[in-house]
C-alpha atoms as a PDB file:
ATOM      1  CA  UNK A   1     -38.356 -12.032   5.527  1.00  0.00           C
ATOM      2  CA  UNK A   2     -35.847 -14.740   4.905  1.00  0.00           C
ATOM      3  CA  UNK A   3     -37.033 -17.767   3.007  1.00  0.00           C
ATOM      4  CA  UNK A   4     -36.713 -21.054   4.819  1.00  0.00           C
ATOM      5  CA  UNK A   5     -36.544 -19.541   8.300  1.00  0.00           C
ATOM      6  CA  UNK A   6     -39.163 -19.681  10.951  1.00  0.00           C
ATOM      7  CA  UNK A   7     -41.954 -21.977   9.857  1.00  0.00           C
ATOM      8  CA  UNK A   8     -45.602 -21.576   8.862  1.00  0.00           C
ATOM      9  CA  UNK A   9     -46.347 -18.917  11.514  1.00  0.00           C
ATOM     10  CA  UNK A  10     -43.320 -16.891  10.488  1.00  0.00           C
ATOM     11  CA  UNK A  11     -44.238 -17.140   6.811  1.00  0.00           C
ATOM     12  CA  UNK A  12     -47.786 -16.052   7.647  1.00  0.00           C
ATOM     13  CA  UNK A  13     -46.445 -13.018   9.557  1.00  0.00           C
ATOM     14  CA  UNK A  14     -44.261 -12.131   6.598  1.00  0.00           C
ATOM     15  CA  UNK A  15     -47.172 -12.444   4.217  1.00  0.00           C
ATOM     16  CA  UNK A  16     -49.311 -10.141   6.363  1.00  0.00           C
ATOM     17  CA  UNK A  17     -46.460  -7.594   6.665  1.00  0.00           C
ATOM     18  CA  UNK A  18     -46.125  -7.844  10.458  1.00  0.00           C
ATOM     19  CA  UNK A  19     -42.992  -9.177  12.076  1.00  0.00           C
ATOM     20  CA  UNK A  20     -41.920  -9.633  15.622  1.00  0.00           C
ATOM     21  CA  UNK A  21     -38.431  -8.461  16.503  1.00  0.00           C
ATOM     22  CA  UNK A  22     -38.232 -11.040  19.269  1.00  0.00           C
ATOM     23  CA  UNK A  23     -40.490 -14.003  18.383  1.00  0.00           C
ATOM     24  CA  UNK A  24     -41.743 -16.457  20.975  1.00  0.00           C
ATOM     25  CA  UNK A  25     -39.272 -19.216  21.866  1.00  0.00           C
ATOM     26  CA  UNK A  26     -39.221 -21.978  19.314  1.00  0.00           C
ATOM     27  CA  UNK A  27     -41.005 -19.868  16.690  1.00  0.00           C
ATOM     28  CA  UNK A  28     -37.857 -18.866  14.776  1.00  0.00           C
ATOM     29  CA  UNK A  29     -36.349 -15.472  14.127  1.00  0.00           C
ATOM     30  CA  UNK A  30     -36.157 -13.692  10.832  1.00  0.00           C
ATOM     31  CA  UNK A  31     -33.806 -10.806  10.181  1.00  0.00           C
ATOM     32  CA  UNK A  32     -34.988  -7.981   8.052  1.00  0.00           C
ATOM     33  CA  UNK A  33     -32.332  -5.791   6.350  1.00  0.00           C
ATOM     34  CA  UNK A  34     -33.889  -2.678   7.897  1.00  0.00           C
ATOM     35  CA  UNK A  35     -33.555  -4.166  11.391  1.00  0.00           C
ATOM     36  CA  UNK A  36     -29.897  -4.963  10.785  1.00  0.00           C
ATOM     37  CA  UNK A  37     -29.264  -1.460   9.470  1.00  0.00           C
ATOM     38  CA  UNK A  38     -30.965   0.127  12.502  1.00  0.00           C
ATOM     39  CA  UNK A  39     -28.972  -2.113  14.851  1.00  0.00           C
ATOM     40  CA  UNK A  40     -25.667  -1.186  13.166  1.00  0.00           C
ATOM     41  CA  UNK A  41     -26.607   2.491  13.285  1.00  0.00           C
ATOM     42  CA  UNK A  42     -27.446   2.313  17.005  1.00  0.00           C
ATOM     43  CA  UNK A  43     -24.204   0.473  17.812  1.00  0.00           C
ATOM     44  CA  UNK A  44     -22.191   3.044  15.828  1.00  0.00           C
ATOM     45  CA  UNK A  45     -23.901   5.875  17.675  1.00  0.00           C
ATOM     46  CA  UNK A  46     -23.213   4.205  21.023  1.00  0.00           C
ATOM     47  CA  UNK A  47     -19.541   3.706  20.108  1.00  0.00           C
ATOM     48  CA  UNK A  48     -19.189   7.352  19.011  1.00  0.00           C
ATOM     49  CA  UNK A  49     -20.738   8.502  22.293  1.00  0.00           C
ATOM     50  CA  UNK A  50     -18.358   6.300  24.310  1.00  0.00           C
ATOM     51  CA  UNK A  51     -15.331   7.682  22.435  1.00  0.00           C
ATOM     52  CA  UNK A  52     -16.517  11.273  22.932  1.00  0.00           C
ATOM     53  CA  UNK A  53     -16.933  10.709  26.673  1.00  0.00           C
ATOM     54  CA  UNK A  54     -13.501   9.066  26.934  1.00  0.00           C
ATOM     55  CA  UNK A  55     -11.825  11.971  25.131  1.00  0.00           C
ATOM     56  CA  UNK A  56     -13.649  14.531  27.264  1.00  0.00           C
ATOM     57  CA  UNK A  57     -12.627  12.828  30.513  1.00  0.00           C
ATOM     58  CA  UNK A  58      -8.969  12.354  29.449  1.00  0.00           C
ATOM     59  CA  UNK A  59      -6.376  14.290  31.477  1.00  0.00           C
ATOM     60  CA  UNK A  60      -5.862  17.799  30.190  1.00  0.00           C
ATOM     61  CA  UNK A  61      -2.522  19.174  29.005  1.00  0.00           C
ATOM     62  CA  UNK A  62      -0.982  21.382  31.719  1.00  0.00           C
ATOM     63  CA  UNK A  63      -1.668  25.082  31.388  1.00  0.00           C
ATOM     64  CA  UNK A  64       1.074  27.093  29.686  1.00  0.00           C
ATOM     65  CA  UNK A  65       3.330  29.242  31.860  1.00  0.00           C
ATOM     66  CA  UNK A  66       1.909  32.556  33.089  1.00  0.00           C
ATOM     67  CA  UNK A  67       4.139  34.396  30.621  1.00  0.00           C
ATOM     68  CA  UNK A  68       3.555  32.953  27.151  1.00  0.00           C
ATOM     69  CA  UNK A  69       6.360  31.467  25.107  1.00  0.00           C
ATOM     70  CA  UNK A  70       7.315  34.018  22.508  1.00  0.00           C
ATOM     71  CA  UNK A  71       9.214  33.038  19.409  1.00  0.00           C
ATOM     72  CA  UNK A  72       9.080  36.481  17.797  1.00  0.00           C
ATOM     73  CA  UNK A  73      12.620  37.812  17.755  1.00  0.00           C
ATOM     74  CA  UNK A  74      14.133  34.355  18.328  1.00  0.00           C
ATOM     75  CA  UNK A  75      15.778  32.229  15.624  1.00  0.00           C
ATOM     76  CA  UNK A  76      13.887  29.240  14.226  1.00  0.00           C
ATOM     77  CA  UNK A  77      14.106  26.290  16.644  1.00  0.00           C
ATOM     78  CA  UNK A  78      14.647  28.512  19.687  1.00  0.00           C
ATOM     79  CA  UNK A  79      12.173  29.163  22.515  1.00  0.00           C
ATOM     80  CA  UNK A  80      11.558  32.706  23.720  1.00  0.00           C
ATOM     81  CA  UNK A  81      10.720  33.494  27.333  1.00  0.00           C
ATOM     82  CA  UNK A  82      10.984  36.732  29.348  1.00  0.00           C
ATOM     83  CA  UNK A  83      13.002  38.496  26.638  1.00  0.00           C
ATOM     84  CA  UNK A  84      15.543  35.669  26.282  1.00  0.00           C
ATOM     85  CA  UNK A  85      15.877  33.073  23.511  1.00  0.00           C
ATOM     86  CA  UNK A  86      16.822  29.517  24.518  1.00  0.00           C
ATOM     87  CA  UNK A  87      18.157  26.717  22.367  1.00  0.00           C
ATOM     88  CA  UNK A  88      17.892  23.096  23.539  1.00  0.00           C
ATOM     89  CA  UNK A  89      20.554  21.265  21.514  1.00  0.00           C
ATOM     90  CA  UNK A  90      20.143  17.772  20.167  1.00  0.00           C
ATOM     91  CA  UNK A  91      23.829  17.112  19.682  1.00  0.00           C
ATOM     92  CA  UNK A  92      26.091  16.267  22.593  1.00  0.00           C
ATOM     93  CA  UNK A  93      29.470  17.494  23.668  1.00  0.00           C
ATOM     94  CA  UNK A  94      31.604  18.326  26.658  1.00  0.00           C
ATOM     95  CA  UNK A  95      30.840  21.454  28.691  1.00  0.00           C
ATOM     96  CA  UNK A  96      33.522  23.370  26.738  1.00  0.00           C
ATOM     97  CA  UNK A  97      32.187  22.133  23.381  1.00  0.00           C
ATOM     98  CA  UNK A  98      28.693  23.225  24.418  1.00  0.00           C
ATOM     99  CA  UNK A  99      30.019  26.684  25.262  1.00  0.00           C
ATOM    100  CA  UNK A 100      31.855  26.870  21.900  1.00  0.00           C
ATOM    101  CA  UNK A 101      28.779  25.769  19.957  1.00  0.00           C
ATOM    102  CA  UNK A 102      26.591  28.298  21.798  1.00  0.00           C
ATOM    103  CA  UNK A 103      29.169  30.987  20.988  1.00  0.00           C
ATOM    104  CA  UNK A 104      29.000  30.024  17.283  1.00  0.00           C
ATOM    105  CA  UNK A 105      25.234  30.624  17.535  1.00  0.00           C
ATOM    106  CA  UNK A 106      25.797  34.084  19.040  1.00  0.00           C
ATOM    107  CA  UNK A 107      24.833  32.860  22.502  1.00  0.00           C
ATOM    108  CA  UNK A 108      26.366  31.313  25.606  1.00  0.00           C
ATOM    109  CA  UNK A 109      25.524  28.401  27.852  1.00  0.00           C
ATOM    110  CA  UNK A 110      22.317  29.445  29.610  1.00  0.00           C
ATOM    111  CA  UNK A 111      22.133  31.357  32.848  1.00  0.00           C
ATOM    112  CA  UNK A 112      19.043  29.941  34.512  1.00  0.00           C
ATOM    113  CA  UNK A 113      16.944  31.992  36.910  1.00  0.00           C
ATOM    114  CA  UNK A 114      14.628  30.429  39.487  1.00  0.00           C
ATOM    115  CA  UNK A 115      11.497  31.803  37.792  1.00  0.00           C
ATOM    116  CA  UNK A 116      12.447  29.952  34.580  1.00  0.00           C
ATOM    117  CA  UNK A 117      13.034  26.569  36.185  1.00  0.00           C
ATOM    118  CA  UNK A 118       9.482  25.238  35.759  1.00  0.00           C
ATOM    119  CA  UNK A 119       9.575  26.103  32.063  1.00  0.00           C
ATOM    120  CA  UNK A 120      12.912  24.340  31.585  1.00  0.00           C
ATOM    121  CA  UNK A 121      11.766  21.231  33.418  1.00  0.00           C
ATOM    122  CA  UNK A 122       8.675  21.149  31.224  1.00  0.00           C
ATOM    123  CA  UNK A 123      10.636  21.586  27.976  1.00  0.00           C
ATOM    124  CA  UNK A 124      13.723  19.527  28.654  1.00  0.00           C
ATOM    125  CA  UNK A 125      11.944  16.176  28.819  1.00  0.00           C
ATOM    126  CA  UNK A 126      14.056  13.519  30.467  1.00  0.00           C
ATOM    127  CA  UNK A 127      17.399  14.932  29.277  1.00  0.00           C
ATOM    128  CA  UNK A 128      20.135  16.711  31.249  1.00  0.00           C
ATOM    129  CA  UNK A 129      21.536  19.854  29.556  1.00  0.00           C
ATOM    130  CA  UNK A 130      24.772  21.708  30.168  1.00  0.00           C
ATOM    131  CA  UNK A 131      24.162  25.212  31.511  1.00  0.00           C
ATOM    132  CA  UNK A 132      26.587  28.088  32.027  1.00  0.00           C
ATOM    133  CA  UNK A 133      27.284  27.304  35.676  1.00  0.00           C
ATOM    134  CA  UNK A 134      30.712  26.152  36.787  1.00  0.00           C
ATOM    135  CA  UNK A 135      32.516  25.557  40.056  1.00  0.00           C
ATOM    136  CA  UNK A 136      35.614  27.709  40.647  1.00  0.00           C
ATOM    137  CA  UNK A 137      37.199  26.419  43.833  1.00  0.00           C
ATOM    138  CA  UNK A 138      34.446  26.506  46.444  1.00  0.00           C
ATOM    139  CA  UNK A 139      32.202  28.933  44.541  1.00  0.00           C
ATOM    140  CA  UNK A 140      29.658  28.354  41.813  1.00  0.00           C
ATOM    141  CA  UNK A 141      29.699  31.039  39.153  1.00  0.00           C
ATOM    142  CA  UNK A 142      27.632  31.720  36.019  1.00  0.00           C
ATOM    143  CA  UNK A 143      29.304  32.389  32.674  1.00  0.00           C
ATOM    144  CA  UNK A 144      28.614  36.136  33.014  1.00  0.00           C
ATOM    145  CA  UNK A 145      30.646  36.242  36.241  1.00  0.00           C
ATOM    146  CA  UNK A 146      27.655  36.435  38.612  1.00  0.00           C
ATOM    147  CA  UNK A 147      27.548  34.196  41.669  1.00  0.00           C
ATOM    148  CA  UNK A 148      25.114  31.324  41.909  1.00  0.00           C
ATOM    149  CA  UNK A 149      22.265  32.322  44.232  1.00  0.00           C
ATOM    150  CA  UNK A 150      19.430  29.980  43.282  1.00  0.00           C
ATOM    151  CA  UNK A 151      17.163  28.204  45.719  1.00  0.00           C
ATOM    152  CA  UNK A 152      17.461  25.127  43.481  1.00  0.00           C
ATOM    153  CA  UNK A 153      20.152  22.790  44.836  1.00  0.00           C
ATOM    154  CA  UNK A 154      23.319  21.753  43.004  1.00  0.00           C
ATOM    155  CA  UNK A 155      24.070  18.109  43.694  1.00  0.00           C
ATOM    156  CA  UNK A 156      27.609  16.778  43.471  1.00  0.00           C
ATOM    157  CA  UNK A 157      31.076  18.322  43.704  1.00  0.00           C
ATOM    158  CA  UNK A 158      32.256  18.224  40.097  1.00  0.00           C
ATOM    159  CA  UNK A 159      33.319  21.327  38.192  1.00  0.00           C
ATOM    160  CA  UNK A 160      30.631  21.647  35.488  1.00  0.00           C
ATOM    161  CA  UNK A 161      26.880  21.856  36.026  1.00  0.00           C
ATOM    162  CA  UNK A 162      23.895  20.567  34.075  1.00  0.00           C
ATOM    163  CA  UNK A 163      20.174  21.089  34.437  1.00  0.00           C
ATOM    164  CA  UNK A 164      18.801  17.784  35.731  1.00  0.00           C
ATOM    165  CA  UNK A 165      15.476  16.640  37.177  1.00  0.00           C
ATOM    166  CA  UNK A 166      14.200  19.716  39.129  1.00  0.00           C
ATOM    167  CA  UNK A 167      17.737  20.489  40.281  1.00  0.00           C
ATOM    168  CA  UNK A 168      21.233  21.244  39.080  1.00  0.00           C
ATOM    169  CA  UNK A 169      23.792  18.476  39.055  1.00  0.00           C
ATOM    170  CA  UNK A 170      27.551  18.859  38.836  1.00  0.00           C
ATOM    171  CA  UNK A 171      29.287  16.249  36.714  1.00  0.00           C
ATOM    172  CA  UNK A 172      32.710  15.936  35.062  1.00  0.00           C
ATOM    173  CA  UNK A 173      33.101  18.536  32.293  1.00  0.00           C
ATOM    174  CA  UNK A 174      34.141  15.778  29.866  1.00  0.00           C
ATOM    175  CA  UNK A 175      30.733  14.046  30.021  1.00  0.00           C
ATOM    176  CA  UNK A 176      29.062  14.264  26.605  1.00  0.00           C
ATOM    177  CA  UNK A 177      25.562  15.698  26.871  1.00  0.00           C
ATOM    178  CA  UNK A 178      23.332  18.237  25.143  1.00  0.00           C
ATOM    179  CA  UNK A 179      23.607  21.909  26.042  1.00  0.00           C
ATOM    180  CA  UNK A 180      21.206  24.773  26.665  1.00  0.00           C
ATOM    181  CA  UNK A 181      22.146  28.086  25.016  1.00  0.00           C
ATOM    182  CA  UNK A 182      20.662  31.510  25.716  1.00  0.00           C
ATOM    183  CA  UNK A 183      20.844  34.974  24.194  1.00  0.00           C
ATOM    184  CA  UNK A 184      18.839  38.173  24.379  1.00  0.00           C
ATOM    185  CA  UNK A 185      15.760  38.241  22.175  1.00  0.00           C
ATOM    186  CA  UNK A 186      16.102  40.582  19.208  1.00  0.00           C
ATOM    187  CA  UNK A 187      14.007  43.753  19.524  1.00  0.00           C
ATOM    188  CA  UNK A 188      10.803  43.691  17.500  1.00  0.00           C
END
């Protein structure tokens, strides 16, 4: 009981050991340390419950691809998928510089298959990467000499191709941008 609060009736209730949590209007209100502690505890519990419900109802991270990402047999910083190691560069260069840098890493600019596109779009973020596709006259050809036969469109008529937002985009080879390298995964 707090001294000086309430009045004669409140002091009498304190003396008898009984208190009202919500006294009659005009009769005063006395705060007991136990009441305050219980109130704080209840509010903390309510807040923890609200946070737990918010976290549980938050959107879930998309499921990983059907074939798991394997890094065994790939160098540190590379991503393994379907027996191939991929390197998403952070530095930028022309298409030729990207090819040279990939070659220094024992790889080449990536040859991208349709079944890998979803993975690349997931991993690439909002960045366009050089890939090993180039226009030779009217034909698009991968760095290994194979013809382009993807169902994913190539937009534009420039010579060099990058992986863009759910498509390929041809841009001038001199544009500086990051590059995507690929090489066979080392046997385990």
